[in-house]
Amino acid sequence: MTYHLRQALLAMRGNLTATFATLMTMTLTLLMLGFVLLLTLNVNRTLAQLESQVEVAAFLREGADGPLLLTQVRALPQVREANLVTRVQVLDEMTRDYPYARDAAELAGNPFPDTLRMRVLRVEDSRAVAAAVSTLAGVEDVEYGAGYVDQTVRTLTAVRGAGYALVGLLLLGTLFNILNAVRVAMYARRQEISVMRLLGATRGFIRMPHVIEGLILGVAAAALALALLTPTYLELAGRVQLFAPVFPIVRDLPTLLPLLGVVGGLGVVIGFFGSLFASRRYLRELE
């Protein structure tokens, strides 16, 4: 193992440009992946908060069968909770917020209709539930805050999708860089490899230094990425929470540590399996 480690370090020193390019690409990839995963974590928590607050309200016509409509609404698969609020209860709620509403109701009558209030399983289901409920007989109008719910969902989904696409491209670039680095190292040692083959060295023995090289690069890239990612994210999260406390930013370590561990582990996996595949492929070419 000492021999393989020494050969791996010599190969890295002999191809500094390829080694540095691979290390930087892997580090940038892991940084981007980490930020996207952290962004996705915060997006999911924001969507969960929206789901707990977004309410679809169906206003019923005069004389509509409220209990029957409530049964129909509860049968919808996207609805996790539904309640029927009578016009008297709505007036009581309005009176608590606006005491003069009671006086206005005594003069002009209760203007509020019976209302079905629904909470959906996912915030993305709000539009579908609103469309389905609006077709029921006895429903006059449906409101679910389309002006901000739809726009928020589209924005968060687009940000998450763009991040994943970027990380995918960077992962491909990293794999190509590892393939290139291993190919250059094996080509530079082609005569030595030929001699080792003549002496009876196995393919695994020949490939081992290059696999160790990829593993070293993966560990170094993971450590460097985490060293940059963790304090940067905590600083940004603190600033966002300071200026926009309405967003539920994740800052607790028990939640962050598994995700950061995934980022670090992915760097090691990419380095190991990338170099393993590359050394196996290019060793066949030299033979």
Protein backbone atom coordinates (compact mmCIF):
# COMPACT_ATOMS: atom_id res chain seq x y z
CA MET A 1 0.00 0.00 0.00
CA THR A 2 2.92 2.36 0.70
CA TYR A 3 4.19 1.74 -2.83
CA HIS A 4 0.79 2.48 -4.34
CA LEU A 5 0.41 5.65 -2.30
CA ARG A 6 3.88 6.85 -3.31
CA GLN A 7 3.14 6.16 -6.98
CA ALA A 8 -0.16 8.03 -6.73
CA LEU A 9 1.56 11.08 -5.24
CA LEU A 10 4.26 10.96 -7.92
CA ALA A 11 1.61 10.79 -10.63
CA MET A 12 -0.20 13.78 -9.15
CA ARG A 13 3.04 15.77 -8.92
CA GLY A 14 3.97 14.85 -12.48
CA ASN A 15 0.61 16.09 -13.84
CA LEU A 16 0.04 19.17 -11.72
CA THR A 17 -2.11 20.95 -14.30
CA ALA A 18 -4.53 18.05 -14.75
CA THR A 19 -4.55 17.38 -11.00
CA PHE A 20 -5.27 21.01 -10.13
CA ALA A 21 -7.99 21.28 -12.80
CA THR A 22 -9.66 18.12 -11.53
CA LEU A 23 -9.44 19.25 -7.91
CA MET A 24 -10.92 22.68 -8.66
CA THR A 25 -13.70 21.26 -10.82
CA MET A 26 -14.63 18.72 -8.15
CA THR A 27 -14.58 21.40 -5.45
CA LEU A 28 -16.79 23.75 -7.48
CA THR A 29 -19.15 20.90 -8.27
CA LEU A 30 -19.49 19.94 -4.62
CA LEU A 31 -19.97 23.59 -3.64
CA MET A 32 -22.75 24.00 -6.19
CA LEU A 33 -24.29 20.69 -5.15
CA GLY A 34 -24.15 21.71 -1.50
CA PHE A 35 -25.78 25.06 -2.15
CA VAL A 36 -28.49 23.45 -4.28
CA LEU A 37 -29.21 20.85 -1.60
CA LEU A 38 -29.33 23.54 1.08
CA LEU A 39 -31.53 25.68 -1.16
CA THR A 40 -33.82 22.71 -1.77
CA LEU A 41 -33.99 22.05 1.96
CA ASN A 42 -35.06 25.64 2.59
CA VAL A 43 -37.46 25.60 -0.37
CA ASN A 44 -39.13 22.47 0.96
CA ARG A 45 -39.45 24.01 4.42
CA THR A 46 -40.92 27.17 2.86
CA LEU A 47 -43.39 25.09 0.84
CA ALA A 48 -44.33 23.20 4.00
CA GLN A 49 -45.00 26.49 5.75
CA LEU A 50 -47.08 27.65 2.79
CA GLU A 51 -49.03 24.40 2.89
CA SER A 52 -49.87 24.99 6.53
CA GLN A 53 -51.06 28.54 5.81
CA VAL A 54 -52.61 28.40 2.34
CA GLU A 55 -56.36 27.96 2.50
CA VAL A 56 -58.82 27.38 -0.31
CA ALA A 57 -62.12 29.10 0.49
CA ALA A 58 -65.34 28.23 -1.38
CA PHE A 59 -68.21 30.70 -0.90
CA LEU A 60 -71.63 29.05 -1.09
CA ARG A 61 -74.81 30.37 -2.66
CA GLU A 62 -77.86 31.13 -0.56
CA GLY A 63 -79.68 27.90 0.22
CA ALA A 64 -76.83 25.61 -0.83
CA ASP A 65 -76.55 22.24 0.94
CA GLY A 66 -73.42 22.88 3.00
CA PRO A 67 -73.03 19.40 4.62
CA LEU A 68 -73.40 17.68 1.23
CA LEU A 69 -70.79 19.96 -0.34
CA LEU A 70 -68.49 19.36 2.63
CA THR A 71 -68.73 15.60 2.05
CA GLN A 72 -67.93 16.05 -1.65
CA VAL A 73 -64.97 18.27 -0.90
CA ARG A 74 -63.51 15.88 1.67
CA ALA A 75 -63.61 13.14 -0.97
CA LEU A 76 -61.09 15.01 -3.14
CA PRO A 77 -57.68 13.27 -2.88
CA GLN A 78 -55.72 16.55 -2.67
CA VAL A 79 -57.71 17.85 0.33
CA ARG A 80 -56.26 16.96 3.74
CA GLU A 81 -58.73 18.98 5.83
CA ALA A 82 -62.05 20.71 5.18
CA ASN A 83 -64.53 22.52 7.39
CA LEU A 84 -67.87 24.26 6.90
CA VAL A 85 -68.05 27.71 8.46
CA THR A 86 -71.54 29.18 8.64
CA ARG A 87 -72.24 32.82 7.87
CA VAL A 88 -72.87 33.46 11.58
CA GLN A 89 -69.45 32.08 12.48
CA VAL A 90 -67.83 34.18 9.74
CA LEU A 91 -69.53 37.28 11.16
CA ASP A 92 -68.28 36.42 14.65
CA GLU A 93 -64.72 36.11 13.30
CA MET A 94 -64.98 39.44 11.51
CA THR A 95 -66.39 41.06 14.64
CA ARG A 96 -63.33 40.00 16.64
CA ASP A 97 -61.06 41.72 14.12
CA TYR A 98 -63.39 44.60 13.26
CA PRO A 99 -65.78 45.41 16.13
CA TYR A 100 -67.85 47.72 13.93
CA ALA A 101 -68.79 44.82 11.63
CA ARG A 102 -71.52 43.79 14.09
CA ASP A 103 -73.14 47.23 13.92
CA ALA A 104 -72.99 47.20 10.12
CA ALA A 105 -74.58 43.73 10.05
CA GLU A 106 -77.43 44.89 12.29
CA LEU A 107 -78.18 47.72 9.87
CA ALA A 108 -77.72 45.95 6.52
CA GLY A 109 -77.90 42.28 7.45
CA ASN A 110 -75.19 39.64 7.48
CA PRO A 111 -73.35 40.00 4.15
CA PHE A 112 -71.14 36.92 4.56
CA PRO A 113 -71.99 33.58 2.92
CA ASP A 114 -71.49 30.10 4.29
CA THR A 115 -67.92 29.09 3.49
CA LEU A 116 -66.02 25.87 2.94
CA ARG A 117 -62.42 26.16 4.11
CA MET A 118 -59.95 23.58 2.80
CA ARG A 119 -56.29 22.82 3.32
CA VAL A 120 -54.44 20.89 0.62
CA LEU A 121 -51.78 18.19 0.82
CA ARG A 122 -49.32 20.23 -1.28
CA VAL A 123 -49.37 23.91 -2.08
CA GLU A 124 -49.14 22.98 -5.78
CA ASP A 125 -52.59 21.36 -5.46
CA SER A 126 -54.31 24.65 -4.63
CA ARG A 127 -55.20 25.48 -8.23
CA ALA A 128 -56.50 21.96 -8.98
CA VAL A 129 -58.64 21.90 -5.83
CA ALA A 130 -60.01 25.37 -6.55
CA ALA A 131 -60.92 24.34 -10.10
CA ALA A 132 -62.63 21.14 -8.94
CA VAL A 133 -64.61 22.82 -6.16
CA SER A 134 -65.75 25.68 -8.40
CA THR A 135 -67.67 23.17 -10.57
CA LEU A 136 -69.78 21.88 -7.66
CA ALA A 137 -73.42 22.91 -7.60
CA GLY A 138 -74.02 25.55 -4.94
CA VAL A 139 -70.52 27.06 -5.03
CA GLU A 140 -70.59 30.71 -6.05
CA ASP A 141 -66.88 31.59 -5.93
CA VAL A 142 -63.53 30.11 -4.90
CA GLU A 143 -60.50 31.96 -3.56
CA TYR A 144 -57.04 30.59 -2.79
CA GLY A 145 -54.65 33.51 -3.18
CA ALA A 146 -53.68 32.74 -6.77
CA GLY A 147 -51.78 36.01 -7.06
CA TYR A 148 -49.03 34.88 -4.70
CA VAL A 149 -49.42 31.10 -4.39
CA ASP A 150 -48.99 30.30 -8.10
CA GLN A 151 -46.14 32.77 -8.52
CA THR A 152 -44.33 31.49 -5.43
CA VAL A 153 -44.64 27.86 -6.52
CA ARG A 154 -43.40 28.63 -10.05
CA THR A 155 -40.43 30.61 -8.74
CA LEU A 156 -39.35 28.00 -6.19
CA THR A 157 -39.76 25.15 -8.68
CA ALA A 158 -37.76 27.00 -11.35
CA VAL A 159 -34.92 27.77 -8.93
CA ARG A 160 -34.75 24.17 -7.78
CA GLY A 161 -34.81 22.80 -11.35
CA ALA A 162 -32.11 25.19 -12.57
CA GLY A 163 -29.88 24.24 -9.66
CA TYR A 164 -30.21 20.54 -10.37
CA ALA A 165 -29.45 21.06 -14.06
CA LEU A 166 -26.32 23.04 -13.23
CA VAL A 167 -25.09 20.43 -10.79
CA GLY A 168 -25.65 17.70 -13.38
CA LEU A 169 -23.49 19.54 -15.90
CA LEU A 170 -20.76 20.09 -13.32
CA LEU A 171 -20.79 16.42 -12.34
CA LEU A 172 -20.29 15.43 -15.98
CA GLY A 173 -17.42 17.92 -16.26
CA THR A 174 -15.82 16.47 -13.13
CA LEU A 175 -16.03 12.91 -14.44
CA PHE A 176 -14.45 13.94 -17.75
CA ASN A 177 -11.65 15.71 -15.89
CA ILE A 178 -10.97 12.59 -13.81
CA LEU A 179 -10.94 10.45 -16.94
CA ASN A 180 -8.51 12.83 -18.59
CA ALA A 181 -6.20 13.03 -15.56
CA VAL A 182 -6.01 9.25 -15.22
CA ARG A 183 -5.48 8.81 -18.94
CA VAL A 184 -2.58 11.29 -18.97
CA ALA A 185 -0.99 9.61 -15.93
CA MET A 186 -1.27 6.13 -17.42
CA TYR A 187 -0.01 7.28 -20.82
CA ALA A 188 3.05 8.87 -19.17
CA ARG A 189 3.78 5.54 -17.44
CA ARG A 190 2.98 3.33 -20.44
CA GLN A 191 6.51 1.88 -20.63
CA GLU A 192 6.56 1.17 -16.91
CA ILE A 193 3.14 -0.45 -17.18
CA SER A 194 4.36 -2.66 -20.06
CA VAL A 195 7.31 -3.82 -17.96
CA MET A 196 5.02 -4.53 -14.99
CA ARG A 197 2.76 -6.60 -17.23
CA LEU A 198 5.74 -8.61 -18.50
CA LEU A 199 6.77 -9.27 -14.91
CA GLY A 200 3.31 -10.65 -14.14
CA ALA A 201 1.66 -7.69 -12.37
CA THR A 202 -2.12 -7.99 -12.22
CA ARG A 203 -4.48 -5.36 -13.56
CA GLY A 204 -5.58 -4.53 -10.05
CA PHE A 205 -1.98 -3.91 -8.95
CA ILE A 206 -1.38 -1.59 -11.91
CA ARG A 207 -4.65 0.29 -11.42
CA MET A 208 -4.31 0.74 -7.67
CA PRO A 209 -2.13 3.95 -7.71
CA HIS A 210 -4.61 5.66 -10.04
CA VAL A 211 -7.57 4.63 -7.93
CA ILE A 212 -5.79 6.00 -4.85
CA GLU A 213 -5.08 9.21 -6.78
CA GLY A 214 -8.79 9.65 -7.52
CA LEU A 215 -9.66 8.87 -3.92
CA ILE A 216 -7.17 11.48 -2.65
CA LEU A 217 -8.62 14.07 -5.03
CA GLY A 218 -12.14 13.22 -3.89
CA VAL A 219 -11.27 13.54 -0.20
CA ALA A 220 -9.37 16.79 -0.76
CA ALA A 221 -12.19 18.28 -2.84
CA ALA A 222 -14.80 17.24 -0.26
CA ALA A 223 -12.81 18.75 2.62
CA LEU A 224 -12.18 21.98 0.72
CA ALA A 225 -15.82 22.27 -0.36
CA LEU A 226 -17.16 21.72 3.16
CA ALA A 227 -14.63 24.17 4.61
CA LEU A 228 -15.95 26.84 2.24
CA LEU A 229 -19.62 25.83 2.19
CA THR A 230 -20.41 25.60 5.90
CA PRO A 231 -19.34 29.06 7.14
CA THR A 232 -20.57 30.74 3.95
CA TYR A 233 -24.03 29.21 4.26
CA LEU A 234 -24.33 30.01 7.97
CA GLU A 235 -23.36 33.63 7.28
CA LEU A 236 -25.85 33.97 4.41
CA ALA A 237 -28.58 32.23 6.42
CA GLY A 238 -28.04 34.64 9.30
CA ARG A 239 -28.31 37.65 7.00
CA VAL A 240 -31.45 36.33 5.28
CA GLN A 241 -33.09 35.58 8.61
CA LEU A 242 -32.18 39.05 9.83
CA PHE A 243 -33.64 40.92 6.84
CA ALA A 244 -36.45 38.48 5.98
CA PRO A 245 -37.51 36.71 9.19
CA VAL A 246 -40.68 35.43 7.49
CA PHE A 247 -38.64 32.73 5.70
CA PRO A 248 -38.01 29.56 7.79
CA ILE A 249 -34.25 29.34 7.14
CA VAL A 250 -32.61 26.11 8.30
CA ARG A 251 -29.70 26.75 10.66
CA ASP A 252 -29.83 23.92 13.21
CA LEU A 253 -26.86 21.56 13.02
CA PRO A 254 -28.80 18.28 13.46
CA THR A 255 -30.59 19.06 10.19
CA LEU A 256 -27.53 20.38 8.35
CA LEU A 257 -24.98 17.71 9.31
CA PRO A 258 -26.56 14.80 7.35
CA LEU A 259 -26.81 16.97 4.24
CA LEU A 260 -23.20 18.15 4.56
CA GLY A 261 -22.20 14.53 5.05
CA VAL A 262 -23.90 13.65 1.75
CA VAL A 263 -21.89 16.37 -0.02
CA GLY A 264 -18.60 15.12 1.43
CA GLY A 265 -19.42 11.48 0.74
CA LEU A 266 -20.36 12.27 -2.85
CA GLY A 267 -16.93 13.81 -3.44
CA VAL A 268 -15.22 10.65 -2.23
CA VAL A 269 -17.53 8.44 -4.32
CA ILE A 270 -16.97 10.48 -7.49
CA GLY A 271 -13.19 10.40 -7.06
CA PHE A 272 -13.07 6.68 -6.32
CA PHE A 273 -15.44 5.33 -8.96
CA GLY A 274 -14.33 7.87 -11.60
CA SER A 275 -10.70 6.81 -11.29
CA LEU A 276 -11.66 3.12 -11.06
CA PHE A 277 -13.61 3.31 -14.32
CA ALA A 278 -10.97 5.40 -16.07
CA SER A 279 -8.04 3.18 -15.06
CA ARG A 280 -9.89 0.05 -16.16
CA ARG A 281 -10.80 1.60 -19.51
CA TYR A 282 -7.39 3.05 -20.42
CA LEU A 283 -5.46 0.03 -19.21
CA ARG A 284 -7.29 -1.96 -21.85
CA GLU A 285 -6.26 0.62 -24.47
CA LEU A 286 -2.58 0.30 -23.50
CA GLU A 287 -2.79 -3.45 -23.77
